[in-house]
Amino acid sequence: WLPQALGVLVVLAALAWAWLSPLRDAQAVVQTLPERERLPSWFPWALSVGGMAAFAALPVAYSEGDSDEFDTKIPKGAIWRERELLDFYFKVRLWWLLRPVLALPSQVYQLVAVAAGGVYLWAATLVARAMARDRTDALVLVGGLCAVGNILLFFRYVESYAPVTAISLLVIWACWRYTGGRASFGTVGVLATLAPLFHGSALWWGPMVAVAWLVRALRRTAGPPR
């Protein structure tokens, strides 16, 4: 219960911080921020490549997740009733392609987890560059996103949660940019539709997409900021 209580406090603190920092003012600062105060352009790629190296070198226990299930059913062509349509389809097709190299389907899951970790870290820098008011803010945001428990999914964890975690971060980034008029609703819609096709848990992003649309609509009605 203690980690859960601390997690609730962190969320409440983040909400309070967001409430005390007006969205309109924050975006105005970001748009006029000098390039020297932003994260350097090489930082996302360095973080992504370095992260994938760590994910590949330091795996979690191989028996975690559904590795036995995948390894016994996929090779013989058995029907695996998964709700993660795109996730499962992509991994099965990838395994059939890499069968000469990878002996077990669960090894594909490990490979995809590491790749998804690279996308997650790259997306974390996109979120930080979009939301931060200076370089310190950006580093704090990246550090927070790298410190959440879901980061363990990318250490070659054999399950179906890694891709949806990475895509969900892109949904957050697109919604934020849309509220400021820097992304189209089509971008939000594509990412928000793609995410639950990889895993149904991403349907929880529905209210955030609706709120982003309402915020943008209210700003159009209110006119330009003073």
C-alpha atoms as a PDB file:
ATOM      1  CA  TRP A   1       0.000   0.000   0.000  1.00  0.00           C
ATOM      2  CA  LEU A   2       2.912   2.369   0.636  1.00  0.00           C
ATOM      3  CA  PRO A   3       4.141   2.548  -2.996  1.00  0.00           C
ATOM      4  CA  GLN A   4       0.539   2.992  -4.137  1.00  0.00           C
ATOM      5  CA  ALA A   5      -0.003   5.836  -1.671  1.00  0.00           C
ATOM      6  CA  LEU A   6       3.220   7.500  -2.775  1.00  0.00           C
ATOM      7  CA  GLY A   7       2.136   7.111  -6.389  1.00  0.00           C
ATOM      8  CA  VAL A   8      -1.153   8.877  -5.629  1.00  0.00           C
ATOM      9  CA  LEU A   9       0.764  11.708  -3.969  1.00  0.00           C
ATOM     10  CA  VAL A  10       3.020  12.051  -7.003  1.00  0.00           C
ATOM     11  CA  VAL A  11      -0.016  12.271  -9.296  1.00  0.00           C
ATOM     12  CA  LEU A  12      -1.687  14.848  -7.053  1.00  0.00           C
ATOM     13  CA  ALA A  13       1.522  16.885  -6.932  1.00  0.00           C
ATOM     14  CA  ALA A  14       1.764  16.788 -10.731  1.00  0.00           C
ATOM     15  CA  LEU A  15      -1.855  17.943 -11.044  1.00  0.00           C
ATOM     16  CA  ALA A  16      -1.241  20.786  -8.609  1.00  0.00           C
ATOM     17  CA  TRP A  17       1.872  21.812 -10.538  1.00  0.00           C
ATOM     18  CA  ALA A  18      -0.080  21.785 -13.806  1.00  0.00           C
ATOM     19  CA  TRP A  19      -2.918  23.783 -12.237  1.00  0.00           C
ATOM     20  CA  LEU A  20      -0.565  26.462 -10.937  1.00  0.00           C
ATOM     21  CA  SER A  21       1.223  26.696 -14.293  1.00  0.00           C
ATOM     22  CA  PRO A  22      -1.345  27.934 -16.860  1.00  0.00           C
ATOM     23  CA  LEU A  23      -1.243  25.930 -20.079  1.00  0.00           C
ATOM     24  CA  ARG A  24      -1.511  28.991 -22.284  1.00  0.00           C
ATOM     25  CA  ASP A  25       1.422  30.750 -20.565  1.00  0.00           C
ATOM     26  CA  ALA A  26       3.571  27.618 -20.635  1.00  0.00           C
ATOM     27  CA  GLN A  27       3.077  27.178 -24.370  1.00  0.00           C
ATOM     28  CA  ALA A  28       3.877  30.842 -25.012  1.00  0.00           C
ATOM     29  CA  VAL A  29       7.190  30.379 -23.188  1.00  0.00           C
ATOM     30  CA  VAL A  30       8.013  27.192 -25.099  1.00  0.00           C
ATOM     31  CA  GLN A  31       7.354  28.806 -28.462  1.00  0.00           C
ATOM     32  CA  THR A  32       9.795  31.661 -27.712  1.00  0.00           C
ATOM     33  CA  LEU A  33      12.415  29.561 -25.929  1.00  0.00           C
ATOM     34  CA  PRO A  34      15.929  29.977 -27.374  1.00  0.00           C
ATOM     35  CA  GLU A  35      17.386  26.864 -28.943  1.00  0.00           C
ATOM     36  CA  ARG A  36      20.270  26.831 -26.460  1.00  0.00           C
ATOM     37  CA  GLU A  37      17.770  26.276 -23.628  1.00  0.00           C
ATOM     38  CA  ARG A  38      16.145  23.283 -25.309  1.00  0.00           C
ATOM     39  CA  LEU A  39      17.356  19.709 -25.307  1.00  0.00           C
ATOM     40  CA  PRO A  40      19.972  19.282 -28.068  1.00  0.00           C
ATOM     41  CA  SER A  41      18.822  17.560 -31.261  1.00  0.00           C
ATOM     42  CA  TRP A  42      21.148  14.583 -30.667  1.00  0.00           C
ATOM     43  CA  PHE A  43      19.760  13.885 -27.198  1.00  0.00           C
ATOM     44  CA  PRO A  44      16.684  11.803 -28.267  1.00  0.00           C
ATOM     45  CA  TRP A  45      18.777   9.504 -30.418  1.00  0.00           C
ATOM     46  CA  ALA A  46      21.514   9.080 -27.819  1.00  0.00           C
ATOM     47  CA  LEU A  47      18.961   8.303 -25.112  1.00  0.00           C
ATOM     48  CA  SER A  48      17.122   5.854 -27.365  1.00  0.00           C
ATOM     49  CA  VAL A  49      20.215   3.938 -28.500  1.00  0.00           C
ATOM     50  CA  GLY A  50      21.742   3.909 -25.020  1.00  0.00           C
ATOM     51  CA  GLY A  51      18.464   2.739 -23.528  1.00  0.00           C
ATOM     52  CA  MET A  52      18.091  -0.128 -25.993  1.00  0.00           C
ATOM     53  CA  ALA A  53      21.627  -1.250 -25.213  1.00  0.00           C
ATOM     54  CA  ALA A  54      20.749  -1.362 -21.502  1.00  0.00           C
ATOM     55  CA  PHE A  55      17.429  -3.117 -22.171  1.00  0.00           C
ATOM     56  CA  ALA A  56      19.154  -5.809 -24.235  1.00  0.00           C
ATOM     57  CA  ALA A  57      22.034  -6.317 -21.796  1.00  0.00           C
ATOM     58  CA  LEU A  58      19.986  -6.457 -18.577  1.00  0.00           C
ATOM     59  CA  PRO A  59      16.950  -8.698 -19.152  1.00  0.00           C
ATOM     60  CA  VAL A  60      14.297  -9.473 -16.562  1.00  0.00           C
ATOM     61  CA  ALA A  61      13.619 -13.121 -15.691  1.00  0.00           C
ATOM     62  CA  TYR A  62      12.942 -15.015 -18.914  1.00  0.00           C
ATOM     63  CA  SER A  63      10.039 -16.972 -17.354  1.00  0.00           C
ATOM     64  CA  GLU A  64       8.022 -13.797 -16.772  1.00  0.00           C
ATOM     65  CA  GLY A  65       4.862 -13.236 -18.775  1.00  0.00           C
ATOM     66  CA  ASP A  66       3.362 -15.797 -21.147  1.00  0.00           C
ATOM     67  CA  SER A  67       6.565 -17.157 -22.667  1.00  0.00           C
ATOM     68  CA  ASP A  68       5.606 -20.819 -22.213  1.00  0.00           C
ATOM     69  CA  GLU A  69       2.198 -20.175 -23.770  1.00  0.00           C
ATOM     70  CA  PHE A  70       3.679 -18.479 -26.809  1.00  0.00           C
ATOM     71  CA  ASP A  71       6.446 -21.049 -27.271  1.00  0.00           C
ATOM     72  CA  THR A  72       4.080 -24.034 -27.217  1.00  0.00           C
ATOM     73  CA  LYS A  73       1.177 -22.685 -29.275  1.00  0.00           C
ATOM     74  CA  ILE A  74       2.645 -20.446 -31.965  1.00  0.00           C
ATOM     75  CA  PRO A  75       5.051 -22.978 -33.592  1.00  0.00           C
ATOM     76  CA  LYS A  76       2.301 -25.556 -34.184  1.00  0.00           C
ATOM     77  CA  GLY A  77      -0.110 -22.998 -35.596  1.00  0.00           C
ATOM     78  CA  ALA A  78      -2.618 -23.198 -32.761  1.00  0.00           C
ATOM     79  CA  ILE A  79      -5.159 -20.389 -32.506  1.00  0.00           C
ATOM     80  CA  TRP A  80      -4.130 -18.003 -29.763  1.00  0.00           C
ATOM     81  CA  ARG A  81      -7.179 -16.016 -28.700  1.00  0.00           C
ATOM     82  CA  GLU A  82      -5.512 -12.709 -27.996  1.00  0.00           C
ATOM     83  CA  ARG A  83      -7.323  -9.375 -27.817  1.00  0.00           C
ATOM     84  CA  GLU A  84      -4.140  -7.552 -28.774  1.00  0.00           C
ATOM     85  CA  LEU A  85      -4.814  -7.906 -32.489  1.00  0.00           C
ATOM     86  CA  LEU A  86      -1.980  -5.938 -34.062  1.00  0.00           C
ATOM     87  CA  ASP A  87       0.511  -6.823 -31.346  1.00  0.00           C
ATOM     88  CA  PHE A  88       0.038 -10.563 -31.690  1.00  0.00           C
ATOM     89  CA  TYR A  89      -0.276 -10.546 -35.479  1.00  0.00           C
ATOM     90  CA  PHE A  90       2.900  -8.500 -35.904  1.00  0.00           C
ATOM     91  CA  LYS A  91       4.937 -10.691 -33.548  1.00  0.00           C
ATOM     92  CA  VAL A  92       3.765 -13.967 -35.074  1.00  0.00           C
ATOM     93  CA  ARG A  93       4.574 -12.748 -38.578  1.00  0.00           C
ATOM     94  CA  LEU A  94       7.951 -11.489 -37.399  1.00  0.00           C
ATOM     95  CA  TRP A  95       8.771 -14.843 -35.817  1.00  0.00           C
ATOM     96  CA  TRP A  96       7.943 -16.744 -38.998  1.00  0.00           C
ATOM     97  CA  LEU A  97      10.272 -14.370 -40.829  1.00  0.00           C
ATOM     98  CA  LEU A  98      13.101 -14.794 -38.292  1.00  0.00           C
ATOM     99  CA  ARG A  99      12.702 -18.526 -37.630  1.00  0.00           C
ATOM    100  CA  PRO A 100      16.157 -19.327 -39.081  1.00  0.00           C
ATOM    101  CA  VAL A 101      17.691 -17.040 -36.449  1.00  0.00           C
ATOM    102  CA  LEU A 102      15.312 -17.186 -33.468  1.00  0.00           C
ATOM    103  CA  ALA A 103      14.348 -20.614 -32.192  1.00  0.00           C
ATOM    104  CA  LEU A 104      11.433 -19.565 -29.971  1.00  0.00           C
ATOM    105  CA  PRO A 105       8.574 -17.070 -30.437  1.00  0.00           C
ATOM    106  CA  SER A 106       9.268 -15.637 -26.994  1.00  0.00           C
ATOM    107  CA  GLN A 107      12.608 -14.407 -28.325  1.00  0.00           C
ATOM    108  CA  VAL A 108      10.680 -12.199 -30.751  1.00  0.00           C
ATOM    109  CA  TYR A 109       8.795 -10.780 -27.775  1.00  0.00           C
ATOM    110  CA  GLN A 110      12.111  -9.875 -26.191  1.00  0.00           C
ATOM    111  CA  LEU A 111      13.323  -8.262 -29.398  1.00  0.00           C
ATOM    112  CA  VAL A 112      10.139  -6.215 -29.776  1.00  0.00           C
ATOM    113  CA  ALA A 113      10.302  -5.152 -26.117  1.00  0.00           C
ATOM    114  CA  VAL A 114      13.792  -3.708 -26.600  1.00  0.00           C
ATOM    115  CA  ALA A 115      12.761  -1.896 -29.806  1.00  0.00           C
ATOM    116  CA  ALA A 116       9.641  -0.532 -28.103  1.00  0.00           C
ATOM    117  CA  GLY A 117      11.868   0.752 -25.308  1.00  0.00           C
ATOM    118  CA  GLY A 118      13.840   2.760 -27.836  1.00  0.00           C
ATOM    119  CA  VAL A 119      10.627   4.273 -29.196  1.00  0.00           C
ATOM    120  CA  TYR A 120       9.472   5.038 -25.649  1.00  0.00           C
ATOM    121  CA  LEU A 121      12.661   6.929 -24.778  1.00  0.00           C
ATOM    122  CA  TRP A 122      12.544   8.841 -28.050  1.00  0.00           C
ATOM    123  CA  ALA A 123       8.872   9.717 -27.393  1.00  0.00           C
ATOM    124  CA  ALA A 124       9.762  10.805 -23.851  1.00  0.00           C
ATOM    125  CA  THR A 125      12.067  13.473 -25.274  1.00  0.00           C
ATOM    126  CA  LEU A 126       9.295  14.611 -27.641  1.00  0.00           C
ATOM    127  CA  VAL A 127       6.952  15.037 -24.676  1.00  0.00           C
ATOM    128  CA  ALA A 128       9.639  16.890 -22.733  1.00  0.00           C
ATOM    129  CA  ARG A 129      10.472  19.244 -25.604  1.00  0.00           C
ATOM    130  CA  ALA A 130       6.766  19.978 -26.104  1.00  0.00           C
ATOM    131  CA  MET A 131       5.892  20.622 -22.451  1.00  0.00           C
ATOM    132  CA  ALA A 132       9.037  21.975 -20.813  1.00  0.00           C
ATOM    133  CA  ARG A 133       9.706  25.656 -20.228  1.00  0.00           C
ATOM    134  CA  ASP A 134      13.475  25.227 -20.177  1.00  0.00           C
ATOM    135  CA  ARG A 135      16.142  22.529 -20.349  1.00  0.00           C
ATOM    136  CA  THR A 136      15.864  21.737 -16.634  1.00  0.00           C
ATOM    137  CA  ASP A 137      12.120  21.165 -16.986  1.00  0.00           C
ATOM    138  CA  ALA A 138      12.770  18.890 -19.953  1.00  0.00           C
ATOM    139  CA  LEU A 139      15.336  16.785 -18.092  1.00  0.00           C
ATOM    140  CA  VAL A 140      12.973  16.439 -15.125  1.00  0.00           C
ATOM    141  CA  LEU A 141      10.179  15.249 -17.426  1.00  0.00           C
ATOM    142  CA  VAL A 142      12.443  12.756 -19.206  1.00  0.00           C
ATOM    143  CA  GLY A 143      13.741  11.491 -15.870  1.00  0.00           C
ATOM    144  CA  GLY A 144      10.211  11.061 -14.545  1.00  0.00           C
ATOM    145  CA  LEU A 145       9.113   9.119 -17.615  1.00  0.00           C
ATOM    146  CA  CYS A 146      12.197   6.902 -17.332  1.00  0.00           C
ATOM    147  CA  ALA A 147      11.537   6.248 -13.638  1.00  0.00           C
ATOM    148  CA  VAL A 148       8.022   4.784 -13.910  1.00  0.00           C
ATOM    149  CA  GLY A 149       7.602   1.069 -13.254  1.00  0.00           C
ATOM    150  CA  ASN A 150       6.556   0.366 -16.853  1.00  0.00           C
ATOM    151  CA  ILE A 151      10.177   0.883 -17.906  1.00  0.00           C
ATOM    152  CA  LEU A 152      10.775  -2.723 -16.789  1.00  0.00           C
ATOM    153  CA  LEU A 153       8.663  -3.915 -19.734  1.00  0.00           C
ATOM    154  CA  PHE A 154      11.467  -2.988 -22.105  1.00  0.00           C
ATOM    155  CA  PHE A 155      14.106  -5.127 -20.389  1.00  0.00           C
ATOM    156  CA  ARG A 156      13.211  -8.066 -22.679  1.00  0.00           C
ATOM    157  CA  TYR A 157      10.000  -8.762 -20.765  1.00  0.00           C
ATOM    158  CA  VAL A 158       7.926 -11.427 -22.561  1.00  0.00           C
ATOM    159  CA  GLU A 159       4.439  -9.913 -22.703  1.00  0.00           C
ATOM    160  CA  SER A 160       2.205  -7.690 -24.820  1.00  0.00           C
ATOM    161  CA  TYR A 161       2.501  -4.390 -22.959  1.00  0.00           C
ATOM    162  CA  ALA A 162       5.718  -2.886 -24.324  1.00  0.00           C
ATOM    163  CA  PRO A 163       4.492  -1.552 -27.720  1.00  0.00           C
ATOM    164  CA  VAL A 164       1.293  -0.056 -26.307  1.00  0.00           C
ATOM    165  CA  THR A 165       3.277   1.724 -23.588  1.00  0.00           C
ATOM    166  CA  ALA A 166       5.494   3.379 -26.192  1.00  0.00           C
ATOM    167  CA  ILE A 167       2.596   4.318 -28.474  1.00  0.00           C
ATOM    168  CA  SER A 168       0.607   5.707 -25.549  1.00  0.00           C
ATOM    169  CA  LEU A 169       3.366   8.215 -24.883  1.00  0.00           C
ATOM    170  CA  LEU A 170       3.003   9.397 -28.467  1.00  0.00           C
ATOM    171  CA  VAL A 171      -0.744   9.808 -27.863  1.00  0.00           C
ATOM    172  CA  ILE A 172       0.015  12.096 -24.902  1.00  0.00           C
ATOM    173  CA  TRP A 173       2.462  14.092 -27.039  1.00  0.00           C
ATOM    174  CA  ALA A 174      -0.046  14.462 -29.897  1.00  0.00           C
ATOM    175  CA  CYS A 175      -2.862  15.549 -27.565  1.00  0.00           C
ATOM    176  CA  TRP A 176      -0.654  18.203 -25.970  1.00  0.00           C
ATOM    177  CA  ARG A 177       0.435  19.590 -29.316  1.00  0.00           C
ATOM    178  CA  TYR A 178      -3.144  19.565 -30.593  1.00  0.00           C
ATOM    179  CA  THR A 179      -4.347  21.705 -27.685  1.00  0.00           C
ATOM    180  CA  GLY A 180      -1.810  24.344 -28.727  1.00  0.00           C
ATOM    181  CA  GLY A 181      -2.701  24.181 -32.416  1.00  0.00           C
ATOM    182  CA  ARG A 182       0.594  22.536 -33.390  1.00  0.00           C
ATOM    183  CA  ALA A 183      -0.827  19.163 -34.482  1.00  0.00           C
ATOM    184  CA  SER A 184      -3.918  18.065 -36.378  1.00  0.00           C
ATOM    185  CA  PHE A 185      -6.715  16.064 -34.845  1.00  0.00           C
ATOM    186  CA  GLY A 186      -6.011  13.484 -37.528  1.00  0.00           C
ATOM    187  CA  THR A 187      -2.627  12.812 -35.900  1.00  0.00           C
ATOM    188  CA  VAL A 188      -4.319  12.393 -32.527  1.00  0.00           C
ATOM    189  CA  GLY A 189      -6.976  10.137 -34.031  1.00  0.00           C
ATOM    190  CA  VAL A 190      -4.504   7.853 -35.812  1.00  0.00           C
ATOM    191  CA  LEU A 191      -2.335   7.335 -32.726  1.00  0.00           C
ATOM    192  CA  ALA A 192      -5.323   6.988 -30.373  1.00  0.00           C
ATOM    193  CA  THR A 193      -6.832   4.358 -32.697  1.00  0.00           C
ATOM    194  CA  LEU A 194      -3.576   2.484 -33.237  1.00  0.00           C
ATOM    195  CA  ALA A 195      -2.777   2.172 -29.517  1.00  0.00           C
ATOM    196  CA  PRO A 196      -5.819   0.058 -28.444  1.00  0.00           C
ATOM    197  CA  LEU A 197      -5.329  -2.212 -31.457  1.00  0.00           C
ATOM    198  CA  PHE A 198      -2.008  -3.146 -29.875  1.00  0.00           C
ATOM    199  CA  HIS A 199      -3.591  -3.510 -26.436  1.00  0.00           C
ATOM    200  CA  GLY A 200      -7.072  -2.763 -25.133  1.00  0.00           C
ATOM    201  CA  SER A 201      -5.725  -0.948 -22.072  1.00  0.00           C
ATOM    202  CA  ALA A 202      -5.082   2.063 -24.323  1.00  0.00           C
ATOM    203  CA  LEU A 203      -8.840   2.687 -24.465  1.00  0.00           C
ATOM    204  CA  TRP A 204      -8.287   4.527 -21.181  1.00  0.00           C
ATOM    205  CA  TRP A 205      -6.838   7.350 -23.276  1.00  0.00           C
ATOM    206  CA  GLY A 206     -10.317   8.108 -24.655  1.00  0.00           C
ATOM    207  CA  PRO A 207     -11.175  10.789 -22.061  1.00  0.00           C
ATOM    208  CA  MET A 208      -7.817  12.514 -22.655  1.00  0.00           C
ATOM    209  CA  VAL A 209      -8.520  12.732 -26.386  1.00  0.00           C
ATOM    210  CA  ALA A 210     -11.968  14.190 -25.680  1.00  0.00           C
ATOM    211  CA  VAL A 211     -10.497  16.754 -23.255  1.00  0.00           C
ATOM    212  CA  ALA A 212      -7.843  17.762 -25.807  1.00  0.00           C
ATOM    213  CA  TRP A 213     -10.561  18.389 -28.378  1.00  0.00           C
ATOM    214  CA  LEU A 214     -12.600  20.450 -25.892  1.00  0.00           C
ATOM    215  CA  VAL A 215      -9.579  22.535 -24.850  1.00  0.00           C
ATOM    216  CA  ARG A 216      -8.807  23.316 -28.496  1.00  0.00           C
ATOM    217  CA  ALA A 217     -12.468  24.149 -29.172  1.00  0.00           C
ATOM    218  CA  LEU A 218     -12.656  26.493 -26.164  1.00  0.00           C
ATOM    219  CA  ARG A 219      -9.508  28.306 -27.275  1.00  0.00           C
ATOM    220  CA  ARG A 220     -10.906  28.841 -30.744  1.00  0.00           C
ATOM    221  CA  THR A 221     -14.053  30.298 -29.177  1.00  0.00           C
ATOM    222  CA  ALA A 222     -12.124  32.535 -26.766  1.00  0.00           C
ATOM    223  CA  GLY A 223      -9.841  33.911 -29.466  1.00  0.00           C
ATOM    224  CA  PRO A 224      -6.075  34.575 -29.278  1.00  0.00           C
ATOM    225  CA  PRO A 225      -4.415  35.015 -25.868  1.00  0.00           C
ATOM    226  CA  ARG A 226      -3.708  38.549 -24.636  1.00  0.00           C
END
